[in-house]
Amino acid sequence: MRASRSVDKPSKPTQRTYTAEYKRRILETIDELRISGERGAIGALLRREGLRSANINRWEKAREAGRLGPQKRGRKPSRSADAEENERLKKRIEKLEKELRKAEIIIDVQKKLGALLGIEVPDVPDPNKDGTP
C-alpha cells in the first residue's frame, strides 16, 4: 500500500497594493537620495523594499499629475452629464411621438366610424395651424 501525500499547489502570487502614504514616503526618500548623490543608495532602497524601478517611475508620473492618492475603482463614466441628459430627453421624445401616432390613428378610426354611422364629428381647429406664425 502507498501512503498518500498531500501536495499543496502553489498559490497564485498576489499583486501588492501600496498606500498613498507609503508611496509618498518612498518617493521623498528617493528624492533625498538623489540630492545626496550617494552611489547605489536608490538601488539598495528598492531591494530592501522589494520594489522595481517601474513602480517608482509610475508613482512619480502619478505624483506629477496629482493622482498619487487612492483612485476610484470600477468603470469610468464614458459620457458627461449633459450627454446623459440629452439621451434621456431623446428617449422621452421618441416615446411621446409614438403615443402621438397612436392617438392620431385612433382619431382617424373614430372619424371613419362616425362617417359610417352617420354621426357628424365636428372638426377641432389645430392650434398649430391657425394661420399665425
C-alpha atoms as a PDB file:
ATOM      1  CA  MET A   1       0.000   0.000   0.000  1.00  0.00           C
ATOM      2  CA  ARG A   2       1.069   3.502  -0.783  1.00  0.00           C
ATOM      3  CA  ALA A   3       0.894   6.253   1.707  1.00  0.00           C
ATOM      4  CA  SER A   4      -0.941   9.229   0.350  1.00  0.00           C
ATOM      5  CA  ARG A   5       0.858  12.513   0.482  1.00  0.00           C
ATOM      6  CA  SER A   6      -0.894  15.797   0.326  1.00  0.00           C
ATOM      7  CA  VAL A   7       0.722  18.077  -2.164  1.00  0.00           C
ATOM      8  CA  ASP A   8      -0.009  21.751  -1.772  1.00  0.00           C
ATOM      9  CA  LYS A   9      -0.442  23.579  -5.013  1.00  0.00           C
ATOM     10  CA  PRO A  10       1.436  26.828  -5.155  1.00  0.00           C
ATOM     11  CA  SER A  11      -0.939  29.701  -4.705  1.00  0.00           C
ATOM     12  CA  LYS A  12      -1.147  32.433  -7.278  1.00  0.00           C
ATOM     13  CA  PRO A  13       1.083  35.375  -6.497  1.00  0.00           C
ATOM     14  CA  THR A  14      -0.942  38.313  -5.341  1.00  0.00           C
ATOM     15  CA  GLN A  15      -0.318  41.819  -6.549  1.00  0.00           C
ATOM     16  CA  ARG A  16       0.919  44.046  -3.784  1.00  0.00           C
ATOM     17  CA  THR A  17      -1.013  47.190  -3.054  1.00  0.00           C
ATOM     18  CA  TYR A  18       0.611  50.270  -1.638  1.00  0.00           C
ATOM     19  CA  THR A  19      -0.988  53.056   0.306  1.00  0.00           C
ATOM     20  CA  ALA A  20      -0.650  56.636  -0.846  1.00  0.00           C
ATOM     21  CA  GLU A  21       1.305  57.441   2.332  1.00  0.00           C
ATOM     22  CA  TYR A  22       3.795  54.620   1.623  1.00  0.00           C
ATOM     23  CA  LYS A  23       4.273  55.842  -1.957  1.00  0.00           C
ATOM     24  CA  ARG A  24       4.848  59.411  -0.780  1.00  0.00           C
ATOM     25  CA  ARG A  25       7.358  58.266   1.843  1.00  0.00           C
ATOM     26  CA  ILE A  26       9.323  56.178  -0.657  1.00  0.00           C
ATOM     27  CA  LEU A  27       9.323  58.979  -3.239  1.00  0.00           C
ATOM     28  CA  GLU A  28      10.515  61.506  -0.637  1.00  0.00           C
ATOM     29  CA  THR A  29      13.297  59.137   0.394  1.00  0.00           C
ATOM     30  CA  ILE A  30      14.333  58.665  -3.240  1.00  0.00           C
ATOM     31  CA  ASP A  31      14.324  62.435  -3.775  1.00  0.00           C
ATOM     32  CA  GLU A  32      16.621  62.835  -0.740  1.00  0.00           C
ATOM     33  CA  LEU A  33      18.924  60.083  -2.021  1.00  0.00           C
ATOM     34  CA  ARG A  34      19.126  61.746  -5.449  1.00  0.00           C
ATOM     35  CA  ILE A  35      20.096  65.038  -3.793  1.00  0.00           C
ATOM     36  CA  SER A  36      22.727  63.346  -1.627  1.00  0.00           C
ATOM     37  CA  GLY A  37      24.273  61.710  -4.711  1.00  0.00           C
ATOM     38  CA  GLU A  38      25.197  58.589  -2.755  1.00  0.00           C
ATOM     39  CA  ARG A  39      26.088  55.929  -5.287  1.00  0.00           C
ATOM     40  CA  GLY A  40      23.818  52.844  -5.268  1.00  0.00           C
ATOM     41  CA  ALA A  41      21.611  54.143  -2.461  1.00  0.00           C
ATOM     42  CA  ILE A  42      18.418  54.144  -4.553  1.00  0.00           C
ATOM     43  CA  GLY A  43      19.054  50.577  -5.748  1.00  0.00           C
ATOM     44  CA  ALA A  44      19.646  49.475  -2.142  1.00  0.00           C
ATOM     45  CA  LEU A  45      16.372  51.102  -1.088  1.00  0.00           C
ATOM     46  CA  LEU A  46      14.471  49.363  -3.901  1.00  0.00           C
ATOM     47  CA  ARG A  47      15.984  45.976  -2.997  1.00  0.00           C
ATOM     48  CA  ARG A  48      15.264  46.482   0.706  1.00  0.00           C
ATOM     49  CA  GLU A  49      11.619  47.402  -0.002  1.00  0.00           C
ATOM     50  CA  GLY A  50      11.173  44.787  -2.730  1.00  0.00           C
ATOM     51  CA  LEU A  51      10.240  47.385  -5.335  1.00  0.00           C
ATOM     52  CA  ARG A  52      11.038  47.765  -9.000  1.00  0.00           C
ATOM     53  CA  SER A  53      12.078  50.922 -10.787  1.00  0.00           C
ATOM     54  CA  ALA A  54       8.907  50.687 -12.926  1.00  0.00           C
ATOM     55  CA  ASN A  55       6.845  51.202  -9.766  1.00  0.00           C
ATOM     56  CA  ILE A  56       8.846  54.313  -8.901  1.00  0.00           C
ATOM     57  CA  ASN A  57       8.511  55.702 -12.443  1.00  0.00           C
ATOM     58  CA  ARG A  58       4.744  55.153 -12.392  1.00  0.00           C
ATOM     59  CA  TRP A  59       4.404  56.712  -8.940  1.00  0.00           C
ATOM     60  CA  GLU A  60       6.482  59.754  -9.954  1.00  0.00           C
ATOM     61  CA  LYS A  61       4.282  60.337 -13.015  1.00  0.00           C
ATOM     62  CA  ALA A  62       1.173  59.986 -10.853  1.00  0.00           C
ATOM     63  CA  ARG A  63       2.616  62.438  -8.316  1.00  0.00           C
ATOM     64  CA  GLU A  64       3.314  64.991 -11.058  1.00  0.00           C
ATOM     65  CA  ALA A  65      -0.249  64.593 -12.340  1.00  0.00           C
ATOM     66  CA  GLY A  66      -1.640  64.883  -8.800  1.00  0.00           C
ATOM     67  CA  ARG A  67      -3.071  61.353  -8.788  1.00  0.00           C
ATOM     68  CA  LEU A  68      -0.874  59.643  -6.222  1.00  0.00           C
ATOM     69  CA  GLY A  69      -3.753  59.096  -3.790  1.00  0.00           C
ATOM     70  CA  PRO A  70      -6.333  56.334  -3.961  1.00  0.00           C
ATOM     71  CA  GLN A  71      -8.209  56.070  -7.243  1.00  0.00           C
ATOM     72  CA  LYS A  72     -11.908  55.427  -7.702  1.00  0.00           C
ATOM     73  CA  ARG A  73     -12.455  51.831  -8.695  1.00  0.00           C
ATOM     74  CA  GLY A  74     -14.743  50.479 -11.355  1.00  0.00           C
ATOM     75  CA  ARG A  75     -15.798  51.701 -14.747  1.00  0.00           C
ATOM     76  CA  LYS A  76     -15.195  55.293 -15.547  1.00  0.00           C
ATOM     77  CA  PRO A  77     -18.144  57.279 -16.828  1.00  0.00           C
ATOM     78  CA  SER A  78     -17.937  57.294 -20.594  1.00  0.00           C
ATOM     79  CA  ARG A  79     -20.334  60.190 -21.084  1.00  0.00           C
ATOM     80  CA  SER A  80     -20.821  63.543 -19.482  1.00  0.00           C
ATOM     81  CA  ALA A  81     -23.924  64.503 -17.552  1.00  0.00           C
ATOM     82  CA  ASP A  82     -25.089  66.643 -20.489  1.00  0.00           C
ATOM     83  CA  ALA A  83     -24.819  63.686 -22.869  1.00  0.00           C
ATOM     84  CA  GLU A  84     -26.819  61.511 -20.472  1.00  0.00           C
ATOM     85  CA  GLU A  85     -29.491  64.212 -20.165  1.00  0.00           C
ATOM     86  CA  ASN A  86     -29.666  64.531 -23.969  1.00  0.00           C
ATOM     87  CA  GLU A  87     -30.062  60.765 -24.318  1.00  0.00           C
ATOM     88  CA  ARG A  88     -32.833  60.730 -21.702  1.00  0.00           C
ATOM     89  CA  LEU A  89     -34.660  63.555 -23.468  1.00  0.00           C
ATOM     90  CA  LYS A  90     -34.327  61.847 -26.866  1.00  0.00           C
ATOM     91  CA  LYS A  91     -35.895  58.686 -25.449  1.00  0.00           C
ATOM     92  CA  ARG A  92     -38.707  60.757 -23.936  1.00  0.00           C
ATOM     93  CA  ILE A  93     -39.345  62.464 -27.295  1.00  0.00           C
ATOM     94  CA  GLU A  94     -39.433  59.096 -29.091  1.00  0.00           C
ATOM     95  CA  LYS A  95     -41.954  57.786 -26.549  1.00  0.00           C
ATOM     96  CA  LEU A  96     -44.183  60.854 -26.898  1.00  0.00           C
ATOM     97  CA  GLU A  97     -44.030  60.710 -30.712  1.00  0.00           C
ATOM     98  CA  LYS A  98     -45.071  57.056 -30.597  1.00  0.00           C
ATOM     99  CA  GLU A  99     -48.022  57.943 -28.337  1.00  0.00           C
ATOM    100  CA  LEU A 100     -48.957  60.792 -30.701  1.00  0.00           C
ATOM    101  CA  ARG A 101     -49.014  58.430 -33.698  1.00  0.00           C
ATOM    102  CA  LYS A 102     -51.289  56.069 -31.759  1.00  0.00           C
ATOM    103  CA  ALA A 103     -53.618  58.934 -30.860  1.00  0.00           C
ATOM    104  CA  GLU A 104     -53.759  60.090 -34.497  1.00  0.00           C
ATOM    105  CA  ILE A 105     -54.678  56.569 -35.624  1.00  0.00           C
ATOM    106  CA  ILE A 106     -57.437  56.406 -33.010  1.00  0.00           C
ATOM    107  CA  ILE A 107     -58.808  59.769 -34.139  1.00  0.00           C
ATOM    108  CA  ASP A 108     -58.807  58.652 -37.792  1.00  0.00           C
ATOM    109  CA  VAL A 109     -60.663  55.455 -36.871  1.00  0.00           C
ATOM    110  CA  GLN A 110     -63.214  57.460 -34.866  1.00  0.00           C
ATOM    111  CA  LYS A 111     -63.803  59.783 -37.851  1.00  0.00           C
ATOM    112  CA  LYS A 112     -64.289  56.831 -40.195  1.00  0.00           C
ATOM    113  CA  LEU A 113     -66.628  55.111 -37.746  1.00  0.00           C
ATOM    114  CA  GLY A 114     -68.599  58.318 -37.332  1.00  0.00           C
ATOM    115  CA  ALA A 115     -68.906  58.634 -41.121  1.00  0.00           C
ATOM    116  CA  LEU A 116     -70.147  55.015 -41.398  1.00  0.00           C
ATOM    117  CA  LEU A 117     -72.742  55.510 -38.672  1.00  0.00           C
ATOM    118  CA  GLY A 118     -73.770  58.886 -39.993  1.00  0.00           C
ATOM    119  CA  ILE A 119     -72.616  60.746 -36.912  1.00  0.00           C
ATOM    120  CA  GLU A 120     -71.058  64.053 -37.738  1.00  0.00           C
ATOM    121  CA  VAL A 121     -67.811  64.623 -35.866  1.00  0.00           C
ATOM    122  CA  PRO A 122     -67.004  68.312 -35.551  1.00  0.00           C
ATOM    123  CA  ASP A 123     -63.552  69.363 -36.681  1.00  0.00           C
ATOM    124  CA  VAL A 124     -61.469  70.784 -33.899  1.00  0.00           C
ATOM    125  CA  PRO A 125     -59.185  73.553 -35.141  1.00  0.00           C
ATOM    126  CA  ASP A 126     -55.492  72.705 -34.834  1.00  0.00           C
ATOM    127  CA  PRO A 127     -53.816  75.363 -32.664  1.00  0.00           C
ATOM    128  CA  ASN A 128     -50.580  74.933 -34.644  1.00  0.00           C
ATOM    129  CA  LYS A 129     -52.328  75.623 -37.998  1.00  0.00           C
ATOM    130  CA  ASP A 130     -54.371  78.710 -37.144  1.00  0.00           C
ATOM    131  CA  GLY A 131     -52.573  80.824 -39.692  1.00  0.00           C
ATOM    132  CA  THR A 132     -50.384  82.708 -37.248  1.00  0.00           C
ATOM    133  CA  PRO A 133     -46.649  82.087 -37.319  1.00  0.00           C
END
